Amino acid sequence: MNSISVRALLVRGMLAGLIAGAFALVVAYFLGESRVDAAIALEEAHSHDHGGGEELVTRTMQATGGLATGVLVFGVAAGGIAALVVCYALGRIGRFGPRATAALIAGAALLTVYVVPFLKYPANPPAVGNPDTIGKRTTLFFLMVALSVLLAVAAVIIGKRLAPRLGNWNASTAAGAGYVVVIGLAYAFLPSFDEVGKDFPATLLWEFRLSTLAVQATLWTVFGLVFGYLTERALAPAARNAPSRTASTVH
């Protein structure tokens, strides 16, 4: 791919990320914000500090403008990065077309960037977690993200190198198994945190965590579908022109 094609796909990736972010925003607002409000209400009910200073940012602003800004900016940024990965992966990970490649990258991003770290360090609503450990928990979460992504890249490289000797299926299985084993070791040796209070409703915690997973699943699913469509349309003219040029040369 030339620089013009990469630039065109980067713009389409950011556009697809914006559209995906809009869908994820709807899911976050209708599924997640009610759980956040319920958790805040519980936190305030158990708090002994009733004085409370003036809020710099109101809860309404957090649930509307703040949420929209965060989700949409993340969607655009993630879409741009994923578009560059798709540009590199096209034709290098098998005989997949633009749509299939975009879908594979989106699925891999959901798995490695969110699901794998989430299983070790799941998201917590307000009133859950010790404020003194938030820095350590955040650091470990991003460490898990980096480890998951790097191991996934390593698994792809190892799988491609093993393919000539083992075949595509066996090589992919071996590389995937290696990824799972190393991630399992990371789960076992990295510290865990169990800071959910006994009086916090388990149902509310479960629903909050499911809502965060639904937001990410919506974001990457919509991105994969939209970007795959836009990429195919961008690259299809070149594919269509190639047979016509060949036919004109023959005639």
C-alpha atoms as a PDB file:
ATOM      1  CA  MET A   1       0.000   0.000   0.000  1.00  0.00           C
ATOM      2  CA  ASN A   2       1.256   3.498  -0.827  1.00  0.00           C
ATOM      3  CA  SER A   3       1.182   6.495   1.491  1.00  0.00           C
ATOM      4  CA  ILE A   4      -1.966   7.864  -0.157  1.00  0.00           C
ATOM      5  CA  SER A   5      -3.884   4.651   0.522  1.00  0.00           C
ATOM      6  CA  VAL A   6      -2.658   4.526   4.115  1.00  0.00           C
ATOM      7  CA  ARG A   7      -3.707   8.139   4.679  1.00  0.00           C
ATOM      8  CA  ALA A   8      -7.120   7.477   3.137  1.00  0.00           C
ATOM      9  CA  LEU A   9      -7.678   4.414   5.311  1.00  0.00           C
ATOM     10  CA  LEU A  10      -6.482   6.289   8.400  1.00  0.00           C
ATOM     11  CA  VAL A  11      -9.148   8.941   7.822  1.00  0.00           C
ATOM     12  CA  ARG A  12     -11.761   6.234   7.266  1.00  0.00           C
ATOM     13  CA  GLY A  13     -10.616   4.476  10.410  1.00  0.00           C
ATOM     14  CA  MET A  14     -11.052   7.621  12.486  1.00  0.00           C
ATOM     15  CA  LEU A  15     -14.477   8.192  10.921  1.00  0.00           C
ATOM     16  CA  ALA A  16     -15.466   4.598  11.661  1.00  0.00           C
ATOM     17  CA  GLY A  17     -14.170   5.071  15.211  1.00  0.00           C
ATOM     18  CA  LEU A  18     -16.332   8.169  15.601  1.00  0.00           C
ATOM     19  CA  ILE A  19     -19.421   6.292  14.402  1.00  0.00           C
ATOM     20  CA  ALA A  20     -18.603   3.346  16.650  1.00  0.00           C
ATOM     21  CA  GLY A  21     -18.059   5.746  19.538  1.00  0.00           C
ATOM     22  CA  ALA A  22     -21.521   7.215  18.989  1.00  0.00           C
ATOM     23  CA  PHE A  23     -23.108   3.757  19.235  1.00  0.00           C
ATOM     24  CA  ALA A  24     -20.999   2.945  22.306  1.00  0.00           C
ATOM     25  CA  LEU A  25     -22.056   6.255  23.862  1.00  0.00           C
ATOM     26  CA  VAL A  26     -25.711   5.284  23.601  1.00  0.00           C
ATOM     27  CA  VAL A  27     -24.996   1.934  25.264  1.00  0.00           C
ATOM     28  CA  ALA A  28     -22.894   3.586  27.988  1.00  0.00           C
ATOM     29  CA  TYR A  29     -25.575   6.163  28.732  1.00  0.00           C
ATOM     30  CA  PHE A  30     -28.559   3.822  28.904  1.00  0.00           C
ATOM     31  CA  LEU A  31     -26.861   0.788  30.456  1.00  0.00           C
ATOM     32  CA  GLY A  32     -23.991   2.184  32.486  1.00  0.00           C
ATOM     33  CA  GLU A  33     -25.042   5.539  33.901  1.00  0.00           C
ATOM     34  CA  SER A  34     -27.992   4.202  35.894  1.00  0.00           C
ATOM     35  CA  ARG A  35     -25.623   1.748  37.612  1.00  0.00           C
ATOM     36  CA  VAL A  36     -23.157   4.544  38.323  1.00  0.00           C
ATOM     37  CA  ASP A  37     -25.946   6.637  39.861  1.00  0.00           C
ATOM     38  CA  ALA A  38     -27.022   3.695  42.030  1.00  0.00           C
ATOM     39  CA  ALA A  39     -23.428   3.153  43.209  1.00  0.00           C
ATOM     40  CA  ILE A  40     -23.013   6.872  44.010  1.00  0.00           C
ATOM     41  CA  ALA A  41     -26.250   6.811  45.991  1.00  0.00           C
ATOM     42  CA  LEU A  42     -24.955   3.883  48.037  1.00  0.00           C
ATOM     43  CA  GLU A  43     -21.644   5.644  48.595  1.00  0.00           C
ATOM     44  CA  GLU A  44     -23.375   8.797  49.813  1.00  0.00           C
ATOM     45  CA  ALA A  45     -25.710   6.791  52.054  1.00  0.00           C
ATOM     46  CA  HIS A  46     -22.745   5.176  53.828  1.00  0.00           C
ATOM     47  CA  SER A  47     -20.592   8.303  53.943  1.00  0.00           C
ATOM     48  CA  HIS A  48     -20.157  10.077  57.255  1.00  0.00           C
ATOM     49  CA  ASP A  49     -19.133  13.329  55.591  1.00  0.00           C
ATOM     50  CA  HIS A  50     -22.353  15.206  54.927  1.00  0.00           C
ATOM     51  CA  GLY A  51     -20.765  18.634  54.583  1.00  0.00           C
ATOM     52  CA  GLY A  52     -19.512  18.179  51.024  1.00  0.00           C
ATOM     53  CA  GLY A  53     -17.886  20.976  49.138  1.00  0.00           C
ATOM     54  CA  GLU A  54     -19.143  22.465  45.921  1.00  0.00           C
ATOM     55  CA  GLU A  55     -18.710  20.141  42.945  1.00  0.00           C
ATOM     56  CA  LEU A  56     -16.358  21.401  40.266  1.00  0.00           C
ATOM     57  CA  VAL A  57     -18.126  19.211  37.697  1.00  0.00           C
ATOM     58  CA  THR A  58     -21.741  18.274  38.284  1.00  0.00           C
ATOM     59  CA  ARG A  59     -22.964  14.715  37.971  1.00  0.00           C
ATOM     60  CA  THR A  60     -25.206  15.766  35.071  1.00  0.00           C
ATOM     61  CA  MET A  61     -22.218  17.138  33.173  1.00  0.00           C
ATOM     62  CA  GLN A  62     -20.234  13.973  33.890  1.00  0.00           C
ATOM     63  CA  ALA A  63     -23.064  11.779  32.578  1.00  0.00           C
ATOM     64  CA  THR A  64     -23.583  13.818  29.398  1.00  0.00           C
ATOM     65  CA  GLY A  65     -20.790  16.041  28.116  1.00  0.00           C
ATOM     66  CA  GLY A  66     -17.991  14.296  29.990  1.00  0.00           C
ATOM     67  CA  LEU A  67     -19.137  10.839  28.964  1.00  0.00           C
ATOM     68  CA  ALA A  68     -19.630  11.884  25.329  1.00  0.00           C
ATOM     69  CA  THR A  69     -16.207  13.515  25.124  1.00  0.00           C
ATOM     70  CA  GLY A  70     -14.431  10.526  26.642  1.00  0.00           C
ATOM     71  CA  VAL A  71     -16.157   7.873  24.541  1.00  0.00           C
ATOM     72  CA  LEU A  72     -15.993   9.753  21.233  1.00  0.00           C
ATOM     73  CA  VAL A  73     -12.350  10.778  21.629  1.00  0.00           C
ATOM     74  CA  PHE A  74     -11.442   7.212  22.543  1.00  0.00           C
ATOM     75  CA  GLY A  75     -13.391   5.944  19.526  1.00  0.00           C
ATOM     76  CA  VAL A  76     -11.562   8.244  17.108  1.00  0.00           C
ATOM     77  CA  ALA A  77      -8.144   7.464  18.596  1.00  0.00           C
ATOM     78  CA  ALA A  78      -8.761   3.707  18.717  1.00  0.00           C
ATOM     79  CA  GLY A  79     -10.151   3.795  15.184  1.00  0.00           C
ATOM     80  CA  GLY A  80      -7.045   5.535  13.860  1.00  0.00           C
ATOM     81  CA  ILE A  81      -4.685   3.079  15.542  1.00  0.00           C
ATOM     82  CA  ALA A  82      -6.735   0.082  14.403  1.00  0.00           C
ATOM     83  CA  ALA A  83      -6.785   1.442  10.839  1.00  0.00           C
ATOM     84  CA  LEU A  84      -2.981   1.523  10.772  1.00  0.00           C
ATOM     85  CA  VAL A  85      -2.897  -2.054  12.059  1.00  0.00           C
ATOM     86  CA  VAL A  86      -5.328  -3.114   9.321  1.00  0.00           C
ATOM     87  CA  CYS A  87      -3.151  -1.396   6.710  1.00  0.00           C
ATOM     88  CA  TYR A  88      -0.183  -3.451   7.868  1.00  0.00           C
ATOM     89  CA  ALA A  89      -2.163  -6.682   8.230  1.00  0.00           C
ATOM     90  CA  LEU A  90      -3.799  -6.634   4.772  1.00  0.00           C
ATOM     91  CA  GLY A  91      -2.345  -9.538   2.826  1.00  0.00           C
ATOM     92  CA  ARG A  92       0.021 -10.530   5.642  1.00  0.00           C
ATOM     93  CA  ILE A  93      -2.197 -12.676   7.872  1.00  0.00           C
ATOM     94  CA  GLY A  94      -3.763 -14.865   5.230  1.00  0.00           C
ATOM     95  CA  ARG A  95      -5.961 -14.541   2.173  1.00  0.00           C
ATOM     96  CA  PHE A  96      -8.489 -12.264   3.827  1.00  0.00           C
ATOM     97  CA  GLY A  97     -10.214  -9.382   2.103  1.00  0.00           C
ATOM     98  CA  PRO A  98     -10.538  -5.891   3.603  1.00  0.00           C
ATOM     99  CA  ARG A  99     -13.786  -6.664   5.446  1.00  0.00           C
ATOM    100  CA  ALA A 100     -12.513  -9.896   6.943  1.00  0.00           C
ATOM    101  CA  THR A 101      -9.221  -8.278   7.946  1.00  0.00           C
ATOM    102  CA  ALA A 102     -11.018  -5.369   9.613  1.00  0.00           C
ATOM    103  CA  ALA A 103     -13.287  -7.795  11.466  1.00  0.00           C
ATOM    104  CA  LEU A 104     -10.319  -9.884  12.648  1.00  0.00           C
ATOM    105  CA  ILE A 105      -8.410  -6.835  13.888  1.00  0.00           C
ATOM    106  CA  ALA A 106     -11.493  -5.454  15.652  1.00  0.00           C
ATOM    107  CA  GLY A 107     -12.114  -8.808  17.334  1.00  0.00           C
ATOM    108  CA  ALA A 108      -8.467  -9.117  18.330  1.00  0.00           C
ATOM    109  CA  ALA A 109      -8.513  -5.576  19.743  1.00  0.00           C
ATOM    110  CA  LEU A 110     -11.603  -6.311  21.835  1.00  0.00           C
ATOM    111  CA  LEU A 111     -10.024  -9.491  23.163  1.00  0.00           C
ATOM    112  CA  THR A 112      -6.499  -8.265  23.864  1.00  0.00           C
ATOM    113  CA  VAL A 113      -7.099  -4.639  24.809  1.00  0.00           C
ATOM    114  CA  TYR A 114     -10.155  -5.129  26.981  1.00  0.00           C
ATOM    115  CA  VAL A 115     -11.439  -8.654  27.659  1.00  0.00           C
ATOM    116  CA  VAL A 116      -8.145 -10.229  28.794  1.00  0.00           C
ATOM    117  CA  PRO A 117      -7.204  -7.342  31.149  1.00  0.00           C
ATOM    118  CA  PHE A 118     -10.842  -7.096  32.290  1.00  0.00           C
ATOM    119  CA  LEU A 119     -10.868 -10.697  33.474  1.00  0.00           C
ATOM    120  CA  LYS A 120      -7.944  -9.948  35.788  1.00  0.00           C
ATOM    121  CA  TYR A 121      -8.802  -6.380  36.764  1.00  0.00           C
ATOM    122  CA  PRO A 122     -12.527  -5.775  36.136  1.00  0.00           C
ATOM    123  CA  ALA A 123     -14.005  -2.296  36.212  1.00  0.00           C
ATOM    124  CA  ASN A 124     -15.426  -1.075  39.505  1.00  0.00           C
ATOM    125  CA  PRO A 125     -18.259   1.418  40.065  1.00  0.00           C
ATOM    126  CA  PRO A 126     -18.060   4.228  42.619  1.00  0.00           C
ATOM    127  CA  ALA A 127     -18.045   3.049  46.258  1.00  0.00           C
ATOM    128  CA  VAL A 128     -15.985  -0.014  45.288  1.00  0.00           C
ATOM    129  CA  GLY A 129     -12.225  -0.087  45.785  1.00  0.00           C
ATOM    130  CA  ASN A 130      -9.773   1.457  48.192  1.00  0.00           C
ATOM    131  CA  PRO A 131      -8.777   5.005  47.131  1.00  0.00           C
ATOM    132  CA  ASP A 132      -5.251   4.321  48.407  1.00  0.00           C
ATOM    133  CA  THR A 133      -4.735   1.549  45.821  1.00  0.00           C
ATOM    134  CA  ILE A 134      -6.258   3.236  42.773  1.00  0.00           C
ATOM    135  CA  GLY A 135      -2.856   4.205  41.382  1.00  0.00           C
ATOM    136  CA  LYS A 136      -1.505   0.691  41.731  1.00  0.00           C
ATOM    137  CA  ARG A 137      -4.656  -0.845  40.260  1.00  0.00           C
ATOM    138  CA  THR A 138      -4.561   1.507  37.272  1.00  0.00           C
ATOM    139  CA  THR A 139      -0.878   0.777  36.644  1.00  0.00           C
ATOM    140  CA  LEU A 140      -1.433  -2.980  36.794  1.00  0.00           C
ATOM    141  CA  PHE A 141      -4.424  -2.745  34.448  1.00  0.00           C
ATOM    142  CA  PHE A 142      -2.399  -0.936  31.785  1.00  0.00           C
ATOM    143  CA  LEU A 143       0.479  -3.338  32.360  1.00  0.00           C
ATOM    144  CA  MET A 144      -1.957  -6.161  31.646  1.00  0.00           C
ATOM    145  CA  VAL A 145      -3.114  -4.391  28.475  1.00  0.00           C
ATOM    146  CA  ALA A 146       0.471  -3.967  27.230  1.00  0.00           C
ATOM    147  CA  LEU A 147       1.333  -7.561  28.094  1.00  0.00           C
ATOM    148  CA  SER A 148      -1.768  -8.892  26.343  1.00  0.00           C
ATOM    149  CA  VAL A 149      -1.124  -6.907  23.158  1.00  0.00           C
ATOM    150  CA  LEU A 150       2.573  -7.776  23.006  1.00  0.00           C
ATOM    151  CA  LEU A 151       1.862 -11.464  23.573  1.00  0.00           C
ATOM    152  CA  ALA A 152      -0.797 -11.417  20.866  1.00  0.00           C
ATOM    153  CA  VAL A 153       1.669  -9.898  18.390  1.00  0.00           C
ATOM    154  CA  ALA A 154       4.268 -12.477  19.398  1.00  0.00           C
ATOM    155  CA  ALA A 155       1.718 -15.270  18.928  1.00  0.00           C
ATOM    156  CA  VAL A 156       0.964 -14.078  15.381  1.00  0.00           C
ATOM    157  CA  ILE A 157       4.677 -13.906  14.507  1.00  0.00           C
ATOM    158  CA  ILE A 158       5.388 -17.341  15.980  1.00  0.00           C
ATOM    159  CA  GLY A 159       2.358 -18.822  14.255  1.00  0.00           C
ATOM    160  CA  LYS A 160       3.522 -17.536  10.859  1.00  0.00           C
ATOM    161  CA  ARG A 161       7.026 -18.943  11.416  1.00  0.00           C
ATOM    162  CA  LEU A 162       5.672 -22.343  12.470  1.00  0.00           C
ATOM    163  CA  ALA A 163       3.174 -22.560   9.611  1.00  0.00           C
ATOM    164  CA  PRO A 164       5.594 -23.948   6.959  1.00  0.00           C
ATOM    165  CA  ARG A 165       6.490 -26.875   9.241  1.00  0.00           C
ATOM    166  CA  LEU A 166       3.238 -27.520  11.122  1.00  0.00           C
ATOM    167  CA  GLY A 167       0.602 -26.213   8.746  1.00  0.00           C
ATOM    168  CA  ASN A 168      -1.621 -23.196   9.320  1.00  0.00           C
ATOM    169  CA  TRP A 169      -4.089 -24.899  11.665  1.00  0.00           C
ATOM    170  CA  ASN A 170      -1.509 -26.553  13.933  1.00  0.00           C
ATOM    171  CA  ALA A 171       0.692 -23.463  13.986  1.00  0.00           C
ATOM    172  CA  SER A 172      -2.238 -21.212  14.904  1.00  0.00           C
ATOM    173  CA  THR A 173      -3.339 -23.631  17.623  1.00  0.00           C
ATOM    174  CA  ALA A 174       0.168 -23.832  19.094  1.00  0.00           C
ATOM    175  CA  ALA A 175       0.608 -20.057  19.064  1.00  0.00           C
ATOM    176  CA  GLY A 176      -2.820 -19.511  20.608  1.00  0.00           C
ATOM    177  CA  ALA A 177      -2.110 -22.081  23.308  1.00  0.00           C
ATOM    178  CA  GLY A 178       1.167 -20.347  24.114  1.00  0.00           C
ATOM    179  CA  TYR A 179      -0.671 -17.031  24.453  1.00  0.00           C
ATOM    180  CA  VAL A 180      -3.205 -18.568  26.843  1.00  0.00           C
ATOM    181  CA  VAL A 181      -0.488 -20.220  28.962  1.00  0.00           C
ATOM    182  CA  VAL A 182       1.562 -17.034  29.392  1.00  0.00           C
ATOM    183  CA  ILE A 183      -1.554 -14.971  30.135  1.00  0.00           C
ATOM    184  CA  GLY A 184      -2.548 -17.584  32.695  1.00  0.00           C
ATOM    185  CA  LEU A 185       0.843 -17.217  34.366  1.00  0.00           C
ATOM    186  CA  ALA A 186       0.369 -13.450  34.441  1.00  0.00           C
ATOM    187  CA  TYR A 187      -3.030 -13.933  36.070  1.00  0.00           C
ATOM    188  CA  ALA A 188      -1.447 -16.193  38.680  1.00  0.00           C
ATOM    189  CA  PHE A 189       1.562 -14.040  39.593  1.00  0.00           C
ATOM    190  CA  LEU A 190       0.279 -10.466  39.266  1.00  0.00           C
ATOM    191  CA  PRO A 191      -1.393  -9.171  42.437  1.00  0.00           C
ATOM    192  CA  SER A 192      -5.176  -9.247  42.722  1.00  0.00           C
ATOM    193  CA  PHE A 193      -7.535  -6.890  44.518  1.00  0.00           C
ATOM    194  CA  ASP A 194     -10.710  -7.896  46.352  1.00  0.00           C
ATOM    195  CA  GLU A 195     -11.977  -4.589  47.679  1.00  0.00           C
ATOM    196  CA  VAL A 196     -15.727  -5.011  47.233  1.00  0.00           C
ATOM    197  CA  GLY A 197     -17.509  -4.262  50.477  1.00  0.00           C
ATOM    198  CA  LYS A 198     -19.786  -6.885  51.987  1.00  0.00           C
ATOM    199  CA  ASP A 199     -22.730  -4.481  51.905  1.00  0.00           C
ATOM    200  CA  PHE A 200     -22.345  -3.642  48.199  1.00  0.00           C
ATOM    201  CA  PRO A 201     -25.040  -5.414  46.113  1.00  0.00           C
ATOM    202  CA  ALA A 202     -23.517  -8.181  44.021  1.00  0.00           C
ATOM    203  CA  THR A 203     -26.192  -7.709  41.352  1.00  0.00           C
ATOM    204  CA  LEU A 204     -25.329  -4.035  40.911  1.00  0.00           C
ATOM    205  CA  LEU A 205     -21.617  -4.838  40.645  1.00  0.00           C
ATOM    206  CA  TRP A 206     -22.283  -7.562  38.059  1.00  0.00           C
ATOM    207  CA  GLU A 207     -24.595  -5.326  36.005  1.00  0.00           C
ATOM    208  CA  PHE A 208     -22.061  -2.478  36.034  1.00  0.00           C
ATOM    209  CA  ARG A 209     -19.262  -4.712  34.828  1.00  0.00           C
ATOM    210  CA  LEU A 210     -21.466  -6.226  32.124  1.00  0.00           C
ATOM    211  CA  SER A 211     -22.407  -2.736  30.950  1.00  0.00           C
ATOM    212  CA  THR A 212     -18.736  -1.758  30.576  1.00  0.00           C
ATOM    213  CA  LEU A 213     -18.135  -4.935  28.596  1.00  0.00           C
ATOM    214  CA  ALA A 214     -21.181  -4.149  26.421  1.00  0.00           C
ATOM    215  CA  VAL A 215     -19.787  -0.674  25.669  1.00  0.00           C
ATOM    216  CA  GLN A 216     -16.482  -2.091  24.446  1.00  0.00           C
ATOM    217  CA  ALA A 217     -18.169  -4.898  22.502  1.00  0.00           C
ATOM    218  CA  THR A 218     -20.418  -2.355  20.768  1.00  0.00           C
ATOM    219  CA  LEU A 219     -17.496  -0.062  19.964  1.00  0.00           C
ATOM    220  CA  TRP A 220     -15.322  -2.730  18.350  1.00  0.00           C
ATOM    221  CA  THR A 221     -18.182  -4.545  16.606  1.00  0.00           C
ATOM    222  CA  VAL A 222     -19.476  -1.382  14.963  1.00  0.00           C
ATOM    223  CA  PHE A 223     -15.941  -0.297  14.095  1.00  0.00           C
ATOM    224  CA  GLY A 224     -15.171  -3.631  12.444  1.00  0.00           C
ATOM    225  CA  LEU A 225     -18.348  -3.515  10.351  1.00  0.00           C
ATOM    226  CA  VAL A 226     -18.115   0.153   9.336  1.00  0.00           C
ATOM    227  CA  PHE A 227     -14.379   0.237   8.695  1.00  0.00           C
ATOM    228  CA  GLY A 228     -14.528  -3.043   6.770  1.00  0.00           C
ATOM    229  CA  TYR A 229     -17.186  -1.559   4.512  1.00  0.00           C
ATOM    230  CA  LEU A 230     -15.307   1.718   4.017  1.00  0.00           C
ATOM    231  CA  THR A 231     -12.012  -0.067   3.389  1.00  0.00           C
ATOM    232  CA  GLU A 232     -13.525  -2.374   0.808  1.00  0.00           C
ATOM    233  CA  ARG A 233     -15.067   0.572  -1.033  1.00  0.00           C
ATOM    234  CA  ALA A 234     -11.749   2.448  -0.946  1.00  0.00           C
ATOM    235  CA  LEU A 235      -9.723  -0.478  -2.267  1.00  0.00           C
ATOM    236  CA  ALA A 236     -12.320  -1.992  -4.612  1.00  0.00           C
ATOM    237  CA  PRO A 237     -11.701   0.415  -7.541  1.00  0.00           C
ATOM    238  CA  ALA A 238      -8.088  -0.763  -7.785  1.00  0.00           C
ATOM    239  CA  ALA A 239      -9.211  -4.378  -7.699  1.00  0.00           C
ATOM    240  CA  ARG A 240     -11.850  -3.753 -10.364  1.00  0.00           C
ATOM    241  CA  ASN A 241      -9.466  -1.851 -12.648  1.00  0.00           C
ATOM    242  CA  ALA A 242      -6.849  -4.604 -12.608  1.00  0.00           C
ATOM    243  CA  PRO A 243      -8.931  -7.174 -14.584  1.00  0.00           C
ATOM    244  CA  SER A 244     -10.101  -4.509 -17.027  1.00  0.00           C
ATOM    245  CA  ARG A 245      -6.525  -3.455 -17.777  1.00  0.00           C
ATOM    246  CA  THR A 246      -5.567  -7.094 -18.287  1.00  0.00           C
ATOM    247  CA  ALA A 247      -8.503  -7.662 -20.618  1.00  0.00           C
ATOM    248  CA  SER A 248      -7.699  -4.569 -22.694  1.00  0.00           C
ATOM    249  CA  THR A 249      -4.119  -5.743 -23.071  1.00  0.00           C
ATOM    250  CA  VAL A 250      -5.267  -9.144 -24.347  1.00  0.00           C
ATOM    251  CA  HIS A 251      -7.649  -7.631 -26.877  1.00  0.00           C
END
